[in-house]
Amino acid sequence: MAGGVAEFRARRPRVALRFHTAGSSRRCLEAVRTHEADLAWVTIGPDVDGVEQRPSCELPWVLAARADAPLARRESVSPAELAGVRHIELPAHSTSRLHLEGHLERHGVRLDSSTSVADWDTALLLVELGLGHAILPALPGWGGGDVVRLVPIPELPPLRAGWAARQWSALSPAALEFAETVVAHLSDV
């Protein structure tokens, strides 16, 4: 979101922006629903009473693996090949984990894990430290690097992310402009 936030700030320097880290889409949706936030960037999931969700981008699933791991040398991996990995699991009951587990079940794959994380960034760090592999949505700007490779899993449908608001028609013009500016920058990545 960095490019969109910076562009919006440059165009509208007097608009007050307040950012809060909620840690999960569920908490973000609750903040919108209870009027603690006007907008929230979320993983698109089931409908929530009192909140409208607008998908803005699709994030393909990737296997994060240390560069020295055999699967890291692959151009892509299939869901069946994930069954034997030491898996670093996503947060329990998170929208992304529910999506992932549902798609893997359709392929007959159930992952075992002895390591779990609260967020995607920590999962990448643990992969880098050699604690296992993580299956994550590929976020704009993530490229892996020398230590961690991100290997596409093309058979899994992408995760959808986007904005949530109580009511789009009730948002201020500045809030709508902010959301549109961020989305425009995501399509440039």
Protein backbone atom coordinates (compact mmCIF):
# COMPACT_ATOMS: atom_id res chain seq x y z
CA MET A 1 0.00 0.00 0.00
CA ALA A 2 2.98 2.29 0.40
CA GLY A 3 2.79 3.89 -3.05
CA GLY A 4 -0.94 4.58 -2.78
CA VAL A 5 -0.66 6.02 0.72
CA ALA A 6 2.23 8.28 -0.34
CA GLU A 7 0.39 9.50 -3.43
CA PHE A 8 -2.77 10.22 -1.46
CA ARG A 9 -0.78 12.14 1.19
CA ALA A 10 0.94 14.21 -1.50
CA ARG A 11 -2.40 15.10 -3.13
CA ARG A 12 -4.31 15.63 0.12
CA PRO A 13 -1.83 16.79 2.79
CA ARG A 14 -4.54 18.17 5.11
CA VAL A 15 -6.65 15.00 5.33
CA ALA A 16 -6.19 13.24 8.66
CA LEU A 17 -5.06 9.63 8.28
CA ARG A 18 -5.05 7.29 11.27
CA PHE A 19 -3.76 3.76 10.85
CA HIS A 20 -4.43 0.97 13.33
CA THR A 21 -2.98 -2.52 13.18
CA ALA A 22 -5.65 -5.05 14.05
CA GLY A 23 -3.71 -8.25 13.35
CA SER A 24 -6.49 -10.12 11.56
CA SER A 25 -9.27 -9.54 9.08
CA ARG A 26 -11.78 -10.57 11.74
CA ARG A 27 -10.58 -7.77 14.04
CA CYS A 28 -10.51 -5.29 11.16
CA LEU A 29 -14.10 -6.13 10.21
CA GLU A 30 -15.15 -5.72 13.83
CA ALA A 31 -13.45 -2.29 13.97
CA VAL A 32 -15.43 -1.20 10.90
CA ARG A 33 -18.67 -2.68 12.21
CA THR A 34 -18.33 -0.93 15.59
CA HIS A 35 -17.39 2.46 14.05
CA GLU A 36 -13.76 2.33 15.26
CA ALA A 37 -12.60 2.56 11.63
CA ASP A 38 -14.13 3.85 8.40
CA LEU A 39 -12.17 1.48 6.16
CA ALA A 40 -10.23 -1.72 6.65
CA TRP A 41 -8.01 -3.73 4.33
CA VAL A 42 -9.07 -7.36 4.75
CA THR A 43 -8.93 -10.83 3.31
CA ILE A 44 -12.32 -11.17 1.67
CA GLY A 45 -14.38 -13.78 3.47
CA PRO A 46 -17.96 -14.58 4.34
CA ASP A 47 -20.46 -11.73 4.64
CA VAL A 48 -20.46 -9.85 7.95
CA ASP A 49 -23.59 -8.08 9.17
CA GLY A 50 -23.18 -4.31 9.00
CA VAL A 51 -20.10 -4.40 6.71
CA GLU A 52 -19.70 -4.24 2.94
CA GLN A 53 -16.61 -5.93 1.46
CA ARG A 54 -15.15 -5.00 -1.93
CA PRO A 55 -12.57 -7.31 -3.48
CA SER A 56 -9.68 -5.28 -4.89
CA CYS A 57 -6.98 -7.80 -5.79
CA GLU A 58 -6.22 -11.49 -6.00
CA LEU A 59 -3.19 -12.91 -4.27
CA PRO A 60 -1.87 -16.20 -5.65
CA TRP A 61 -0.67 -18.80 -3.15
CA VAL A 62 3.04 -19.52 -2.88
CA LEU A 63 5.19 -21.94 -0.94
CA ALA A 64 7.83 -20.04 1.04
CA ALA A 65 10.87 -22.29 1.31
CA ARG A 66 14.52 -21.78 2.19
CA ALA A 67 16.56 -21.52 -0.98
CA ASP A 68 18.46 -24.70 -0.02
CA ALA A 69 15.26 -26.81 0.25
CA PRO A 70 14.49 -29.18 -2.66
CA LEU A 71 11.06 -27.63 -3.36
CA ALA A 72 12.62 -24.16 -3.57
CA ARG A 73 14.31 -25.13 -6.84
CA ARG A 74 10.98 -25.84 -8.54
CA GLU A 75 9.16 -23.48 -10.90
CA SER A 76 5.89 -24.44 -9.18
CA VAL A 77 4.51 -27.07 -6.80
CA SER A 78 1.24 -28.97 -6.71
CA PRO A 79 -1.01 -29.30 -3.66
CA ALA A 80 -0.14 -33.02 -3.39
CA GLU A 81 3.56 -32.13 -2.99
CA LEU A 82 2.74 -30.04 0.08
CA ALA A 83 1.56 -33.01 2.16
CA GLY A 84 5.04 -33.85 3.42
CA VAL A 85 6.39 -30.38 4.23
CA ARG A 86 7.18 -29.15 7.73
CA HIS A 87 4.40 -26.62 7.72
CA ILE A 88 4.33 -23.28 9.54
CA GLU A 89 0.62 -22.72 9.85
CA LEU A 90 -1.29 -19.47 9.54
CA PRO A 91 -3.29 -18.07 12.46
CA ALA A 92 -6.11 -20.32 13.68
CA HIS A 93 -9.53 -19.26 12.39
CA SER A 94 -8.01 -16.63 10.09
CA THR A 95 -9.76 -16.10 6.77
CA SER A 96 -6.59 -16.96 4.85
CA ARG A 97 -6.08 -20.21 6.75
CA LEU A 98 -9.73 -21.24 6.26
CA HIS A 99 -9.41 -20.55 2.51
CA LEU A 100 -6.15 -22.51 2.29
CA GLU A 101 -7.39 -25.51 4.28
CA GLY A 102 -10.61 -25.64 2.25
CA HIS A 103 -8.74 -25.65 -1.07
CA LEU A 104 -6.21 -28.23 0.12
CA GLU A 105 -9.01 -30.50 1.38
CA ARG A 106 -10.48 -30.53 -2.13
CA HIS A 107 -7.09 -31.89 -3.27
CA GLY A 108 -7.07 -34.48 -0.47
CA VAL A 109 -4.24 -32.73 1.38
CA ARG A 110 -4.15 -32.16 5.12
CA LEU A 111 -1.12 -30.39 6.56
CA ASP A 112 0.47 -31.26 9.89
CA SER A 113 2.21 -28.53 11.80
CA SER A 114 4.17 -28.05 14.97
CA THR A 115 4.73 -24.33 14.38
CA SER A 116 2.16 -21.56 14.08
CA VAL A 117 2.34 -17.81 13.64
CA ALA A 118 0.15 -14.76 14.16
CA ASP A 119 0.98 -13.11 10.81
CA TRP A 120 2.47 -13.69 7.38
CA ASP A 121 5.64 -11.69 8.03
CA THR A 122 6.54 -13.90 10.99
CA ALA A 123 5.93 -16.98 8.85
CA LEU A 124 8.52 -15.70 6.34
CA LEU A 125 11.00 -15.03 9.12
CA LEU A 126 10.58 -18.56 10.49
CA VAL A 127 11.08 -20.01 7.01
CA GLU A 128 14.28 -17.98 6.74
CA LEU A 129 15.41 -19.40 10.10
CA GLY A 130 14.86 -22.94 8.80
CA LEU A 131 11.84 -23.89 10.93
CA GLY A 132 9.84 -25.16 7.96
CA HIS A 133 7.81 -24.07 4.95
CA ALA A 134 4.88 -21.65 4.85
CA ILE A 135 2.03 -21.46 2.38
CA LEU A 136 1.14 -17.79 1.98
CA PRO A 137 -0.58 -15.42 -0.38
CA ALA A 138 1.98 -13.61 -2.55
CA LEU A 139 1.82 -10.00 -1.45
CA PRO A 140 2.84 -7.18 -3.79
CA GLY A 141 6.45 -6.29 -3.11
CA TRP A 142 7.43 -9.68 -1.72
CA GLY A 143 10.11 -11.24 -3.84
CA GLY A 144 11.64 -13.82 -1.58
CA GLY A 145 15.34 -13.18 -1.80
CA ASP A 146 18.61 -15.03 -1.38
CA VAL A 147 17.49 -17.06 1.64
CA VAL A 148 13.76 -17.62 0.95
CA ARG A 149 12.17 -18.53 -2.38
CA LEU A 150 8.48 -18.10 -3.14
CA VAL A 151 7.30 -20.96 -5.34
CA PRO A 152 3.87 -20.62 -7.02
CA ILE A 153 1.10 -23.12 -6.29
CA PRO A 154 -0.99 -22.52 -9.44
CA GLU A 155 -3.65 -25.17 -8.69
CA LEU A 156 -4.89 -23.23 -5.64
CA PRO A 157 -7.37 -20.43 -6.37
CA PRO A 158 -6.00 -17.04 -5.32
CA LEU A 159 -6.98 -15.36 -2.08
CA ARG A 160 -9.02 -12.21 -2.55
CA ALA A 161 -8.25 -9.07 -0.57
CA GLY A 162 -9.86 -5.67 -0.52
CA TRP A 163 -11.62 -2.95 1.40
CA ALA A 164 -14.37 -3.20 3.98
CA ALA A 165 -16.62 -0.33 5.05
CA ARG A 166 -19.91 -0.08 6.90
CA GLN A 167 -21.56 1.44 3.86
CA TRP A 168 -19.70 2.55 0.74
CA SER A 169 -22.28 5.19 -0.12
CA ALA A 170 -21.79 6.83 3.30
CA LEU A 171 -18.00 7.19 3.08
CA SER A 172 -16.55 10.67 2.74
CA PRO A 173 -15.14 11.68 -0.64
CA ALA A 174 -11.65 11.63 0.93
CA ALA A 175 -12.09 8.06 2.20
CA LEU A 176 -13.29 6.91 -1.22
CA GLU A 177 -10.37 8.66 -2.91
CA PHE A 178 -7.93 7.04 -0.47
CA ALA A 179 -9.32 3.54 -1.15
CA GLU A 180 -9.26 4.08 -4.92
CA THR A 181 -5.71 5.45 -4.83
CA VAL A 182 -4.41 2.44 -2.90
CA VAL A 183 -6.13 0.01 -5.28
CA ALA A 184 -4.75 1.83 -8.32
CA HIS A 185 -1.23 1.38 -6.96
CA LEU A 186 -1.80 -2.31 -6.26
CA SER A 187 -2.57 -2.91 -9.93
CA ASP A 188 0.75 -1.21 -10.82
CA VAL A 189 2.80 -3.67 -8.72
